[in-house]
N, C-alpha and C. Protein backbone atom coordinates (compact mmCIF):
# COMPACT_ATOMS: atom_id res chain seq x y z
N MET A 1 30.69 -23.03 -21.33
CA MET A 1 30.63 -23.00 -19.85
C MET A 1 29.18 -23.23 -19.42
N THR A 2 29.00 -24.16 -18.50
CA THR A 2 27.65 -24.43 -18.01
C THR A 2 27.32 -23.52 -16.85
N ALA A 3 26.02 -23.20 -16.71
CA ALA A 3 25.58 -22.33 -15.61
C ALA A 3 25.68 -23.09 -14.31
N GLN A 4 26.11 -22.41 -13.25
CA GLN A 4 26.22 -23.03 -11.94
C GLN A 4 24.83 -23.29 -11.38
N ALA A 5 24.69 -24.41 -10.67
CA ALA A 5 23.40 -24.74 -10.06
C ALA A 5 23.01 -23.65 -9.08
N GLY A 6 21.75 -23.20 -9.21
CA GLY A 6 21.26 -22.19 -8.28
C GLY A 6 21.68 -20.79 -8.61
N SER A 7 22.43 -20.56 -9.70
CA SER A 7 22.83 -19.20 -10.05
C SER A 7 21.63 -18.43 -10.55
N ALA A 8 21.78 -17.07 -10.56
CA ALA A 8 20.65 -16.22 -10.92
C ALA A 8 20.20 -16.47 -12.35
N SER A 9 21.12 -16.97 -13.23
CA SER A 9 20.79 -17.15 -14.63
C SER A 9 20.45 -18.59 -14.98
N SER A 10 20.41 -19.50 -13.99
CA SER A 10 20.14 -20.90 -14.28
C SER A 10 18.71 -21.07 -14.75
N PRO A 11 18.46 -22.09 -15.63
CA PRO A 11 17.10 -22.31 -16.13
C PRO A 11 16.08 -22.55 -15.03
N SER A 12 16.50 -23.25 -13.96
CA SER A 12 15.55 -23.52 -12.88
C SER A 12 15.13 -22.24 -12.17
N ARG A 13 16.08 -21.33 -11.95
CA ARG A 13 15.76 -20.06 -11.31
C ARG A 13 14.85 -19.22 -12.21
N LEU A 14 15.19 -19.18 -13.50
CA LEU A 14 14.38 -18.38 -14.43
C LEU A 14 12.98 -18.95 -14.55
N GLY A 15 12.88 -20.29 -14.56
CA GLY A 15 11.56 -20.90 -14.65
C GLY A 15 10.72 -20.62 -13.42
N ALA A 16 11.34 -20.69 -12.24
CA ALA A 16 10.62 -20.41 -11.00
C ALA A 16 10.16 -18.96 -10.95
N ALA A 17 11.03 -18.06 -11.41
CA ALA A 17 10.67 -16.63 -11.41
C ALA A 17 9.49 -16.37 -12.33
N ALA A 18 9.49 -17.03 -13.49
CA ALA A 18 8.39 -16.85 -14.44
C ALA A 18 7.08 -17.39 -13.87
N GLU A 19 7.15 -18.54 -13.20
CA GLU A 19 5.95 -19.11 -12.59
C GLU A 19 5.42 -18.21 -11.47
N ARG A 20 6.33 -17.66 -10.68
CA ARG A 20 5.93 -16.77 -9.58
C ARG A 20 5.28 -15.51 -10.14
N SER A 21 5.87 -14.96 -11.18
CA SER A 21 5.31 -13.76 -11.80
C SER A 21 3.91 -14.02 -12.35
N ALA A 22 3.74 -15.17 -12.99
CA ALA A 22 2.43 -15.53 -13.55
C ALA A 22 1.41 -15.73 -12.43
N ALA A 23 1.84 -16.36 -11.32
CA ALA A 23 0.94 -16.57 -10.19
C ALA A 23 0.50 -15.25 -9.58
N ARG A 24 1.42 -14.30 -9.48
CA ARG A 24 1.09 -12.98 -8.93
C ARG A 24 0.09 -12.25 -9.82
N GLU A 25 0.30 -12.30 -11.11
CA GLU A 25 -0.61 -11.61 -12.02
C GLU A 25 -1.99 -12.27 -12.02
N CYS A 26 -2.02 -13.59 -11.93
CA CYS A 26 -3.29 -14.31 -11.86
C CYS A 26 -4.06 -13.91 -10.60
N LEU A 27 -3.34 -13.79 -9.49
CA LEU A 27 -3.97 -13.38 -8.24
C LEU A 27 -4.49 -11.95 -8.33
N ARG A 28 -3.73 -11.08 -8.96
CA ARG A 28 -4.20 -9.70 -9.15
C ARG A 28 -5.52 -9.67 -9.93
N ARG A 29 -5.57 -10.42 -11.02
CA ARG A 29 -6.79 -10.44 -11.84
C ARG A 29 -7.97 -10.97 -11.04
N HIS A 30 -7.73 -12.01 -10.27
CA HIS A 30 -8.81 -12.59 -9.46
C HIS A 30 -9.33 -11.59 -8.43
N MET A 31 -8.41 -10.87 -7.80
CA MET A 31 -8.82 -9.91 -6.79
C MET A 31 -9.55 -8.70 -7.40
N ARG A 32 -9.15 -8.32 -8.60
CA ARG A 32 -9.87 -7.23 -9.27
C ARG A 32 -11.32 -7.63 -9.52
N ILE A 33 -11.52 -8.90 -9.88
CA ILE A 33 -12.88 -9.40 -10.12
C ILE A 33 -13.68 -9.40 -8.81
N LEU A 34 -13.05 -9.86 -7.73
CA LEU A 34 -13.74 -9.88 -6.44
C LEU A 34 -14.12 -8.47 -5.99
N ARG A 35 -13.18 -7.53 -6.13
CA ARG A 35 -13.47 -6.15 -5.71
C ARG A 35 -14.58 -5.54 -6.55
N ALA A 36 -14.58 -5.85 -7.84
CA ALA A 36 -15.62 -5.30 -8.73
C ALA A 36 -17.00 -5.82 -8.36
N GLY A 37 -17.05 -6.97 -7.68
CA GLY A 37 -18.32 -7.54 -7.28
C GLY A 37 -18.92 -6.89 -6.04
N LEU A 38 -18.16 -6.05 -5.36
CA LEU A 38 -18.69 -5.34 -4.20
C LEU A 38 -19.65 -4.25 -4.65
N THR A 39 -20.74 -4.10 -3.96
CA THR A 39 -21.70 -3.07 -4.31
C THR A 39 -21.22 -1.70 -3.82
N PRO A 40 -21.72 -0.62 -4.40
CA PRO A 40 -21.37 0.71 -3.89
C PRO A 40 -21.66 0.86 -2.40
N ARG A 41 -22.73 0.22 -1.94
CA ARG A 41 -23.06 0.30 -0.52
C ARG A 41 -22.02 -0.44 0.32
N ASP A 42 -21.57 -1.60 -0.18
CA ASP A 42 -20.51 -2.35 0.52
C ASP A 42 -19.27 -1.48 0.68
N ARG A 43 -18.87 -0.82 -0.42
CA ARG A 43 -17.65 -0.02 -0.40
C ARG A 43 -17.80 1.20 0.50
N GLN A 44 -19.00 1.78 0.51
CA GLN A 44 -19.24 2.95 1.37
C GLN A 44 -19.18 2.56 2.84
N HIS A 45 -19.81 1.45 3.19
CA HIS A 45 -19.77 0.99 4.58
C HIS A 45 -18.35 0.64 5.00
N ALA A 46 -17.59 0.02 4.09
CA ALA A 46 -16.20 -0.33 4.39
C ALA A 46 -15.37 0.92 4.61
N ALA A 47 -15.59 1.95 3.80
CA ALA A 47 -14.82 3.19 3.93
C ALA A 47 -15.02 3.81 5.32
N GLN A 48 -16.25 3.81 5.80
CA GLN A 48 -16.52 4.32 7.14
C GLN A 48 -15.87 3.44 8.20
N ALA A 49 -15.88 2.13 7.95
CA ALA A 49 -15.28 1.19 8.91
C ALA A 49 -13.77 1.39 9.00
N PHE A 50 -13.10 1.69 7.87
CA PHE A 50 -11.66 1.93 7.90
C PHE A 50 -11.32 3.09 8.83
N ALA A 51 -12.10 4.15 8.74
CA ALA A 51 -11.86 5.33 9.58
C ALA A 51 -12.03 4.98 11.05
N ARG A 52 -13.09 4.23 11.37
CA ARG A 52 -13.32 3.84 12.77
C ARG A 52 -12.21 2.92 13.27
N GLN A 53 -11.84 1.95 12.44
CA GLN A 53 -10.79 1.00 12.84
C GLN A 53 -9.48 1.74 13.11
N ALA A 54 -9.14 2.67 12.25
CA ALA A 54 -7.86 3.38 12.39
C ALA A 54 -7.79 4.16 13.69
N GLN A 55 -8.88 4.82 14.05
CA GLN A 55 -8.88 5.58 15.29
C GLN A 55 -8.93 4.66 16.51
N ARG A 56 -9.73 3.61 16.43
CA ARG A 56 -9.86 2.67 17.56
C ARG A 56 -8.54 1.97 17.85
N ALA A 57 -7.78 1.67 16.79
CA ALA A 57 -6.50 0.98 16.94
C ALA A 57 -5.35 1.96 17.19
N ARG A 58 -5.68 3.23 17.35
CA ARG A 58 -4.69 4.29 17.61
C ARG A 58 -3.66 4.42 16.48
N LEU A 59 -4.11 4.12 15.28
CA LEU A 59 -3.27 4.35 14.12
C LEU A 59 -3.30 5.82 13.72
N LEU A 60 -4.31 6.53 14.23
CA LEU A 60 -4.43 7.97 14.03
C LEU A 60 -4.39 8.63 15.40
N ARG A 61 -3.47 9.60 15.55
CA ARG A 61 -3.38 10.36 16.79
C ARG A 61 -2.95 11.78 16.45
N PRO A 62 -3.31 12.75 17.28
CA PRO A 62 -2.94 14.14 16.99
C PRO A 62 -1.43 14.29 16.77
N GLY A 63 -1.08 15.02 15.72
CA GLY A 63 0.31 15.33 15.45
C GLY A 63 1.05 14.33 14.58
N LEU A 64 0.45 13.16 14.32
CA LEU A 64 1.14 12.18 13.49
C LEU A 64 1.23 12.63 12.04
N LYS A 65 2.30 12.24 11.40
CA LYS A 65 2.48 12.49 9.96
C LYS A 65 2.01 11.23 9.23
N VAL A 66 0.91 11.35 8.53
CA VAL A 66 0.22 10.19 7.96
C VAL A 66 0.17 10.30 6.44
N ALA A 67 0.55 9.22 5.77
CA ALA A 67 0.42 9.17 4.31
C ALA A 67 -0.78 8.28 3.97
N ALA A 68 -1.59 8.74 3.04
CA ALA A 68 -2.75 7.97 2.58
C ALA A 68 -2.72 7.95 1.05
N TYR A 69 -3.87 7.69 0.43
CA TYR A 69 -3.95 7.67 -1.03
C TYR A 69 -5.39 7.95 -1.44
N VAL A 70 -5.58 8.32 -2.70
CA VAL A 70 -6.91 8.51 -3.26
C VAL A 70 -7.26 7.25 -4.04
N ALA A 71 -8.33 6.58 -3.66
CA ALA A 71 -8.68 5.28 -4.22
C ALA A 71 -9.11 5.39 -5.68
N VAL A 72 -8.75 4.37 -6.45
CA VAL A 72 -9.20 4.22 -7.84
C VAL A 72 -9.56 2.76 -8.09
N ARG A 73 -10.37 2.52 -9.09
CA ARG A 73 -10.70 1.17 -9.54
C ARG A 73 -11.11 0.24 -8.39
N ASN A 74 -12.07 0.68 -7.61
CA ASN A 74 -12.64 -0.12 -6.52
C ASN A 74 -11.66 -0.42 -5.39
N GLU A 75 -10.58 0.33 -5.29
CA GLU A 75 -9.69 0.17 -4.14
C GLU A 75 -10.42 0.58 -2.86
N ALA A 76 -9.90 0.12 -1.74
CA ALA A 76 -10.44 0.53 -0.45
C ALA A 76 -10.37 2.05 -0.33
N ASP A 77 -11.50 2.67 -0.06
CA ASP A 77 -11.62 4.13 -0.06
C ASP A 77 -11.19 4.70 1.30
N LEU A 78 -10.25 5.63 1.27
CA LEU A 78 -9.75 6.24 2.51
C LEU A 78 -10.26 7.66 2.74
N ALA A 79 -11.24 8.09 1.96
CA ALA A 79 -11.72 9.47 2.12
C ALA A 79 -12.20 9.74 3.56
N PRO A 80 -13.03 8.88 4.17
CA PRO A 80 -13.43 9.14 5.57
C PRO A 80 -12.25 9.08 6.53
N LEU A 81 -11.29 8.20 6.28
CA LEU A 81 -10.11 8.12 7.14
C LEU A 81 -9.30 9.41 7.06
N ILE A 82 -9.14 9.94 5.86
CA ILE A 82 -8.40 11.20 5.69
C ILE A 82 -9.11 12.32 6.43
N ALA A 83 -10.43 12.37 6.30
CA ALA A 83 -11.20 13.41 6.99
C ALA A 83 -11.04 13.30 8.50
N ARG A 84 -11.03 12.06 9.01
CA ARG A 84 -10.87 11.87 10.45
C ARG A 84 -9.46 12.24 10.89
N ALA A 85 -8.47 11.91 10.08
CA ALA A 85 -7.09 12.25 10.41
C ALA A 85 -6.92 13.77 10.50
N LEU A 86 -7.50 14.49 9.57
CA LEU A 86 -7.42 15.95 9.60
C LEU A 86 -8.13 16.52 10.83
N LYS A 87 -9.26 15.91 11.18
CA LYS A 87 -10.00 16.36 12.36
C LYS A 87 -9.19 16.14 13.63
N LEU A 88 -8.37 15.08 13.63
CA LEU A 88 -7.51 14.79 14.78
C LEU A 88 -6.20 15.58 14.74
N ARG A 89 -6.07 16.49 13.77
CA ARG A 89 -4.91 17.35 13.61
C ARG A 89 -3.65 16.56 13.21
N CYS A 90 -3.85 15.48 12.45
CA CYS A 90 -2.72 14.81 11.81
C CYS A 90 -2.30 15.61 10.59
N GLN A 91 -1.05 15.49 10.22
CA GLN A 91 -0.59 16.02 8.94
C GLN A 91 -0.77 14.91 7.90
N VAL A 92 -1.50 15.19 6.83
CA VAL A 92 -1.81 14.16 5.84
C VAL A 92 -1.04 14.42 4.54
N TYR A 93 -0.45 13.36 4.02
CA TYR A 93 0.33 13.43 2.78
C TYR A 93 -0.18 12.40 1.79
N LEU A 94 -0.04 12.72 0.51
CA LEU A 94 -0.45 11.81 -0.56
C LEU A 94 0.72 11.56 -1.49
N PRO A 95 0.74 10.40 -2.16
CA PRO A 95 1.83 10.11 -3.08
C PRO A 95 1.72 10.89 -4.38
N ARG A 96 2.85 11.22 -4.95
CA ARG A 96 2.93 11.86 -6.26
C ARG A 96 3.99 11.13 -7.07
N VAL A 97 3.64 10.70 -8.28
CA VAL A 97 4.58 9.99 -9.15
C VAL A 97 5.63 10.97 -9.65
N VAL A 98 6.89 10.64 -9.41
CA VAL A 98 8.01 11.48 -9.86
C VAL A 98 8.53 11.00 -11.20
N ASN A 99 8.66 9.68 -11.35
CA ASN A 99 9.17 9.10 -12.59
C ASN A 99 8.39 7.81 -12.85
N LEU A 100 7.55 7.83 -13.87
CA LEU A 100 6.68 6.69 -14.15
C LEU A 100 7.48 5.48 -14.61
N LYS A 101 8.46 5.68 -15.48
CA LYS A 101 9.23 4.56 -16.01
C LYS A 101 10.05 3.87 -14.92
N GLN A 102 10.59 4.66 -14.00
CA GLN A 102 11.40 4.11 -12.93
C GLN A 102 10.59 3.71 -11.70
N GLY A 103 9.29 3.99 -11.73
CA GLY A 103 8.43 3.62 -10.62
C GLY A 103 8.76 4.35 -9.33
N ARG A 104 9.08 5.64 -9.43
CA ARG A 104 9.46 6.40 -8.24
C ARG A 104 8.36 7.39 -7.87
N MET A 105 8.17 7.56 -6.57
CA MET A 105 7.18 8.51 -6.09
C MET A 105 7.70 9.23 -4.85
N GLU A 106 7.02 10.32 -4.50
CA GLU A 106 7.32 11.10 -3.31
C GLU A 106 6.00 11.38 -2.60
N PHE A 107 6.09 11.98 -1.42
CA PHE A 107 4.87 12.31 -0.66
C PHE A 107 4.79 13.80 -0.45
N LEU A 108 3.61 14.37 -0.78
CA LEU A 108 3.36 15.80 -0.66
C LEU A 108 2.15 16.05 0.23
N ARG A 109 2.13 17.19 0.86
CA ARG A 109 1.08 17.55 1.82
C ARG A 109 -0.27 17.68 1.12
N PHE A 110 -1.29 17.09 1.71
CA PHE A 110 -2.65 17.22 1.21
C PHE A 110 -3.24 18.52 1.74
N THR A 111 -3.61 19.40 0.82
CA THR A 111 -4.14 20.71 1.21
C THR A 111 -5.56 20.94 0.69
N GLY A 112 -6.23 19.87 0.33
CA GLY A 112 -7.61 19.99 -0.14
C GLY A 112 -7.82 19.37 -1.51
N LEU A 113 -9.03 18.87 -1.74
CA LEU A 113 -9.34 18.19 -3.00
C LEU A 113 -9.14 19.10 -4.21
N ARG A 114 -9.42 20.39 -4.03
CA ARG A 114 -9.33 21.30 -5.18
C ARG A 114 -7.90 21.48 -5.68
N HIS A 115 -6.92 21.09 -4.86
CA HIS A 115 -5.53 21.25 -5.26
C HIS A 115 -4.94 19.97 -5.87
N LEU A 116 -5.75 18.92 -5.99
CA LEU A 116 -5.26 17.67 -6.57
C LEU A 116 -5.35 17.71 -8.09
N LYS A 117 -4.37 17.08 -8.73
CA LYS A 117 -4.34 17.01 -10.18
C LYS A 117 -4.21 15.56 -10.62
N ARG A 118 -4.76 15.25 -11.80
CA ARG A 118 -4.72 13.88 -12.30
C ARG A 118 -3.43 13.66 -13.09
N ASN A 119 -2.73 12.57 -12.76
CA ASN A 119 -1.45 12.29 -13.43
C ASN A 119 -1.64 11.39 -14.64
N ALA A 120 -0.54 10.92 -15.22
CA ALA A 120 -0.60 10.11 -16.44
C ALA A 120 -1.30 8.78 -16.23
N LEU A 121 -1.35 8.31 -14.99
CA LEU A 121 -2.03 7.05 -14.68
C LEU A 121 -3.50 7.25 -14.34
N GLY A 122 -3.94 8.51 -14.35
CA GLY A 122 -5.32 8.81 -14.00
C GLY A 122 -5.55 8.93 -12.51
N LEU A 123 -4.46 9.00 -11.73
CA LEU A 123 -4.57 9.10 -10.28
C LEU A 123 -4.52 10.55 -9.83
N LEU A 124 -5.31 10.88 -8.83
CA LEU A 124 -5.27 12.23 -8.27
C LEU A 124 -4.10 12.35 -7.31
N GLU A 125 -3.34 13.42 -7.45
CA GLU A 125 -2.17 13.64 -6.60
C GLU A 125 -1.97 15.13 -6.38
N PRO A 126 -1.24 15.51 -5.32
CA PRO A 126 -0.97 16.94 -5.08
C PRO A 126 -0.13 17.53 -6.21
N GLY A 127 -0.27 18.84 -6.41
CA GLY A 127 0.56 19.52 -7.39
C GLY A 127 2.00 19.61 -6.90
N PRO A 128 2.94 19.84 -7.80
CA PRO A 128 4.36 19.83 -7.43
C PRO A 128 4.77 20.92 -6.45
N SER A 129 3.94 21.94 -6.26
CA SER A 129 4.29 23.02 -5.34
C SER A 129 3.90 22.72 -3.89
N ALA A 130 3.18 21.63 -3.66
CA ALA A 130 2.77 21.28 -2.29
C ALA A 130 4.00 20.91 -1.46
N PRO A 131 3.98 21.16 -0.16
CA PRO A 131 5.13 20.82 0.70
C PRO A 131 5.44 19.33 0.67
N ARG A 132 6.73 19.00 0.55
CA ARG A 132 7.18 17.61 0.52
C ARG A 132 7.58 17.15 1.92
N ILE A 133 7.63 15.82 2.06
CA ILE A 133 8.12 15.22 3.30
C ILE A 133 8.98 14.02 2.94
N ALA A 134 10.05 13.80 3.68
CA ALA A 134 10.89 12.63 3.46
C ALA A 134 10.14 11.39 3.95
N ALA A 135 10.17 10.33 3.17
CA ALA A 135 9.44 9.11 3.53
C ALA A 135 9.86 8.58 4.89
N ARG A 136 11.13 8.77 5.24
CA ARG A 136 11.64 8.26 6.52
C ARG A 136 11.04 8.96 7.73
N THR A 137 10.49 10.14 7.53
CA THR A 137 9.96 10.90 8.67
C THR A 137 8.45 10.73 8.85
N LEU A 138 7.81 9.96 7.98
CA LEU A 138 6.39 9.67 8.15
C LEU A 138 6.20 8.73 9.34
N ASP A 139 5.06 8.84 10.01
CA ASP A 139 4.74 7.94 11.11
C ASP A 139 3.91 6.74 10.66
N ARG A 140 2.93 6.98 9.83
CA ARG A 140 2.06 5.93 9.31
C ARG A 140 1.92 6.09 7.81
N VAL A 141 1.90 4.97 7.12
CA VAL A 141 1.63 4.98 5.68
C VAL A 141 0.54 3.96 5.40
N PHE A 142 -0.61 4.43 4.96
CA PHE A 142 -1.71 3.54 4.59
C PHE A 142 -1.54 3.18 3.12
N VAL A 143 -1.39 1.87 2.87
CA VAL A 143 -0.95 1.38 1.57
C VAL A 143 -2.06 0.60 0.88
N PRO A 144 -2.36 0.88 -0.38
CA PRO A 144 -3.34 0.07 -1.11
C PRO A 144 -2.75 -1.30 -1.42
N LEU A 145 -3.62 -2.27 -1.66
CA LEU A 145 -3.12 -3.61 -1.97
C LEU A 145 -4.12 -4.37 -2.83
N ALA A 146 -3.58 -5.39 -3.50
CA ALA A 146 -4.43 -6.30 -4.27
C ALA A 146 -4.77 -7.53 -3.44
N ALA A 147 -3.80 -8.00 -2.62
CA ALA A 147 -4.03 -9.15 -1.76
C ALA A 147 -3.03 -9.10 -0.61
N PHE A 148 -3.34 -9.84 0.47
CA PHE A 148 -2.43 -9.92 1.61
C PHE A 148 -2.60 -11.27 2.29
N ASP A 149 -1.61 -11.66 3.10
CA ASP A 149 -1.73 -12.90 3.86
C ASP A 149 -1.44 -12.65 5.34
N SER A 150 -1.50 -13.71 6.13
CA SER A 150 -1.38 -13.56 7.59
C SER A 150 0.02 -13.18 8.04
N LEU A 151 1.01 -13.29 7.15
CA LEU A 151 2.38 -12.92 7.50
C LEU A 151 2.69 -11.46 7.17
N GLY A 152 1.70 -10.73 6.67
CA GLY A 152 1.92 -9.33 6.33
C GLY A 152 2.49 -9.13 4.94
N ASN A 153 2.52 -10.20 4.14
CA ASN A 153 2.98 -10.05 2.76
C ASN A 153 1.90 -9.37 1.93
N ARG A 154 2.33 -8.46 1.08
CA ARG A 154 1.40 -7.66 0.28
C ARG A 154 1.64 -7.88 -1.20
N LEU A 155 0.56 -8.05 -1.93
CA LEU A 155 0.63 -8.03 -3.39
C LEU A 155 0.06 -6.70 -3.84
N GLY A 156 0.90 -5.89 -4.50
CA GLY A 156 0.46 -4.59 -4.97
C GLY A 156 -0.14 -4.67 -6.36
N THR A 157 -0.27 -3.53 -7.00
CA THR A 157 -0.88 -3.50 -8.33
C THR A 157 0.12 -3.78 -9.44
N GLY A 158 1.39 -3.90 -9.10
CA GLY A 158 2.39 -4.27 -10.10
C GLY A 158 3.37 -3.18 -10.46
N GLY A 159 3.13 -1.96 -10.00
CA GLY A 159 4.03 -0.86 -10.34
C GLY A 159 5.30 -0.81 -9.50
N GLY A 160 5.25 -1.36 -8.30
CA GLY A 160 6.42 -1.39 -7.43
C GLY A 160 6.75 -0.08 -6.76
N PHE A 161 5.86 0.90 -6.80
CA PHE A 161 6.14 2.23 -6.25
C PHE A 161 6.43 2.17 -4.75
N TYR A 162 5.59 1.48 -3.99
CA TYR A 162 5.76 1.45 -2.55
C TYR A 162 6.99 0.63 -2.15
N ASP A 163 7.22 -0.48 -2.84
CA ASP A 163 8.40 -1.30 -2.52
C ASP A 163 9.69 -0.52 -2.75
N ARG A 164 9.75 0.27 -3.80
CA ARG A 164 10.95 1.07 -4.06
C ARG A 164 11.09 2.20 -3.03
N ARG A 165 9.99 2.88 -2.76
CA ARG A 165 10.06 4.04 -1.87
C ARG A 165 10.44 3.64 -0.46
N PHE A 166 10.01 2.44 -0.02
CA PHE A 166 10.28 2.03 1.36
C PHE A 166 11.24 0.85 1.45
N ALA A 167 12.08 0.71 0.44
CA ALA A 167 13.08 -0.36 0.45
C ALA A 167 14.01 -0.24 1.65
N PHE A 168 14.23 0.97 2.15
CA PHE A 168 15.14 1.17 3.28
C PHE A 168 14.66 0.45 4.54
N LEU A 169 13.36 0.14 4.62
CA LEU A 169 12.85 -0.55 5.80
C LEU A 169 13.38 -1.99 5.88
N GLY A 170 13.73 -2.55 4.75
CA GLY A 170 14.21 -3.93 4.74
C GLY A 170 15.55 -4.13 5.42
N SER A 171 16.32 -3.06 5.60
CA SER A 171 17.64 -3.17 6.22
C SER A 171 17.62 -2.89 7.72
N ARG A 172 16.45 -2.57 8.26
CA ARG A 172 16.35 -2.26 9.69
C ARG A 172 15.96 -3.49 10.48
N ARG A 173 16.63 -3.71 11.61
CA ARG A 173 16.36 -4.88 12.42
C ARG A 173 15.51 -4.57 13.66
N HIS A 174 15.56 -3.33 14.14
CA HIS A 174 14.85 -3.01 15.37
C HIS A 174 13.85 -1.86 15.13
N TRP A 175 14.35 -0.65 15.16
CA TRP A 175 13.46 0.51 15.02
C TRP A 175 12.97 0.62 13.58
N ARG A 176 11.65 0.72 13.41
CA ARG A 176 11.09 0.82 12.07
C ARG A 176 10.13 2.00 12.00
N LYS A 177 10.42 2.91 11.13
CA LYS A 177 9.54 4.04 10.88
C LYS A 177 9.71 4.43 9.42
N PRO A 178 8.57 4.63 8.76
CA PRO A 178 7.19 4.59 9.23
C PRO A 178 6.64 3.17 9.34
N ARG A 179 5.47 3.08 9.96
CA ARG A 179 4.72 1.83 9.99
C ARG A 179 3.86 1.75 8.74
N LEU A 180 3.95 0.63 8.04
CA LEU A 180 3.18 0.44 6.83
C LEU A 180 1.91 -0.34 7.14
N ILE A 181 0.77 0.27 6.87
CA ILE A 181 -0.53 -0.33 7.16
C ILE A 181 -1.26 -0.58 5.85
N GLY A 182 -1.37 -1.84 5.45
CA GLY A 182 -2.13 -2.16 4.25
C GLY A 182 -3.61 -1.95 4.50
N VAL A 183 -4.32 -1.54 3.47
CA VAL A 183 -5.77 -1.32 3.59
C VAL A 183 -6.47 -2.07 2.46
N GLY A 184 -7.40 -2.92 2.82
CA GLY A 184 -8.13 -3.68 1.82
C GLY A 184 -9.38 -4.28 2.42
N TYR A 185 -10.11 -5.01 1.60
CA TYR A 185 -11.32 -5.70 2.06
C TYR A 185 -10.93 -7.09 2.56
N ASP A 186 -11.74 -7.63 3.43
CA ASP A 186 -11.42 -8.94 3.98
C ASP A 186 -11.37 -10.02 2.89
N ILE A 187 -12.10 -9.84 1.82
CA ILE A 187 -12.07 -10.82 0.72
C ILE A 187 -10.71 -10.85 0.03
N GLN A 188 -9.84 -9.89 0.31
CA GLN A 188 -8.52 -9.85 -0.31
C GLN A 188 -7.48 -10.62 0.49
N ARG A 189 -7.89 -11.22 1.59
CA ARG A 189 -6.97 -12.03 2.39
C ARG A 189 -6.86 -13.41 1.77
N VAL A 190 -5.65 -13.89 1.58
CA VAL A 190 -5.39 -15.19 0.97
C VAL A 190 -4.45 -15.99 1.88
N PRO A 191 -4.40 -17.32 1.71
CA PRO A 191 -3.51 -18.13 2.56
C PRO A 191 -2.04 -17.76 2.42
N SER A 192 -1.61 -17.44 1.20
CA SER A 192 -0.20 -17.12 0.98
C SER A 192 -0.04 -16.26 -0.26
N VAL A 193 0.71 -15.18 -0.14
CA VAL A 193 1.01 -14.31 -1.27
C VAL A 193 2.36 -14.74 -1.85
N PRO A 194 2.44 -15.02 -3.16
CA PRO A 194 3.75 -15.31 -3.76
C PRO A 194 4.60 -14.05 -3.76
N THR A 195 5.73 -14.11 -3.09
CA THR A 195 6.54 -12.90 -2.88
C THR A 195 7.78 -12.87 -3.76
N GLU A 196 8.32 -11.67 -3.91
CA GLU A 196 9.59 -11.44 -4.58
C GLU A 196 10.58 -10.90 -3.54
N PRO A 197 11.89 -11.02 -3.80
CA PRO A 197 12.88 -10.56 -2.82
C PRO A 197 12.77 -9.09 -2.46
N TRP A 198 12.27 -8.28 -3.38
CA TRP A 198 12.21 -6.83 -3.14
C TRP A 198 10.92 -6.40 -2.44
N ASP A 199 9.99 -7.31 -2.21
CA ASP A 199 8.74 -6.94 -1.56
C ASP A 199 8.98 -6.49 -0.12
N ILE A 200 8.34 -5.42 0.29
CA ILE A 200 8.42 -4.92 1.66
C ILE A 200 7.16 -5.35 2.40
N ALA A 201 7.34 -6.09 3.49
CA ALA A 201 6.20 -6.60 4.25
C ALA A 201 5.53 -5.47 5.04
N LEU A 202 4.28 -5.69 5.37
CA LEU A 202 3.48 -4.71 6.11
C LEU A 202 3.59 -4.95 7.61
N ASP A 203 3.40 -3.88 8.37
CA ASP A 203 3.34 -3.99 9.83
C ASP A 203 1.96 -4.42 10.30
N ALA A 204 0.95 -4.11 9.52
CA ALA A 204 -0.43 -4.49 9.84
C ALA A 204 -1.27 -4.33 8.57
N VAL A 205 -2.43 -4.97 8.59
CA VAL A 205 -3.40 -4.80 7.52
C VAL A 205 -4.74 -4.47 8.15
N MET A 206 -5.38 -3.46 7.62
CA MET A 206 -6.68 -3.04 8.13
C MET A 206 -7.75 -3.34 7.09
N THR A 207 -8.77 -4.10 7.51
CA THR A 207 -9.90 -4.36 6.64
C THR A 207 -11.15 -3.76 7.28
N GLU A 208 -12.29 -3.96 6.62
CA GLU A 208 -13.53 -3.43 7.18
C GLU A 208 -13.94 -4.18 8.45
N ARG A 209 -13.32 -5.34 8.70
CA ARG A 209 -13.69 -6.14 9.86
C ARG A 209 -12.75 -6.01 11.04
N ARG A 210 -11.44 -5.87 10.77
CA ARG A 210 -10.49 -5.87 11.87
C ARG A 210 -9.13 -5.36 11.40
N VAL A 211 -8.21 -5.23 12.36
CA VAL A 211 -6.82 -4.91 12.06
C VAL A 211 -5.98 -6.15 12.34
N TYR A 212 -5.30 -6.64 11.30
CA TYR A 212 -4.40 -7.79 11.44
C TYR A 212 -3.00 -7.24 11.70
N ARG A 213 -2.50 -7.43 12.90
CA ARG A 213 -1.19 -6.91 13.27
C ARG A 213 -0.12 -7.97 13.11
N GLN A 214 1.11 -7.50 12.92
CA GLN A 214 2.27 -8.38 12.86
C GLN A 214 3.12 -8.11 14.11
N PRO A 215 2.92 -8.88 15.20
CA PRO A 215 3.59 -8.57 16.48
C PRO A 215 5.10 -8.67 16.43
N HIS A 216 5.65 -9.41 15.46
CA HIS A 216 7.10 -9.57 15.39
C HIS A 216 7.78 -8.42 14.71
N ARG A 217 6.99 -7.39 14.25
CA ARG A 217 7.61 -6.27 13.58
C ARG A 217 7.43 -5.00 14.39
């Protein structure tokens, strides 16, 4: 029996998928090199700019439930943004890996740096006793990225944690909550990100220079 043209198992589909996967990994490596070239002063100035941009664009407001992350490997640093969110009386949550093999995570309340623990990936996360929140009830989620484009497509680090956790957003046509805000440096903007069907697009991307919004979302 011959494979049907365009079927999921056809050689052309498999070849295209392999090329797309290779292109994504190549882009990740390139962006890691670009980020590593930023000086500590560049990253520090950018971190302060993220906090200012978030407040100026009203991405942070009193009472909002906000998810952030602790930066690693030259990622965009959100420490000043987290501090500003807490000062504005936002509730701040951080991701915690629930199942590494399945790429699943949850969000727990941030209660101070001293309560964070390092997981198997070397990432700092809240301990399991911290208060949890359902992802659907968050207002804003600040998402790390490797690259992004003008359509709000995001290339992550390859683990798929955010795409799995927020897959439910893909089925919504009108009301969308939470809003996903990618955070990165302007050098991470590319003409086009090679996407996969399971990728969840961003509502906006915030860099040290500006906020790129997606008005159609």
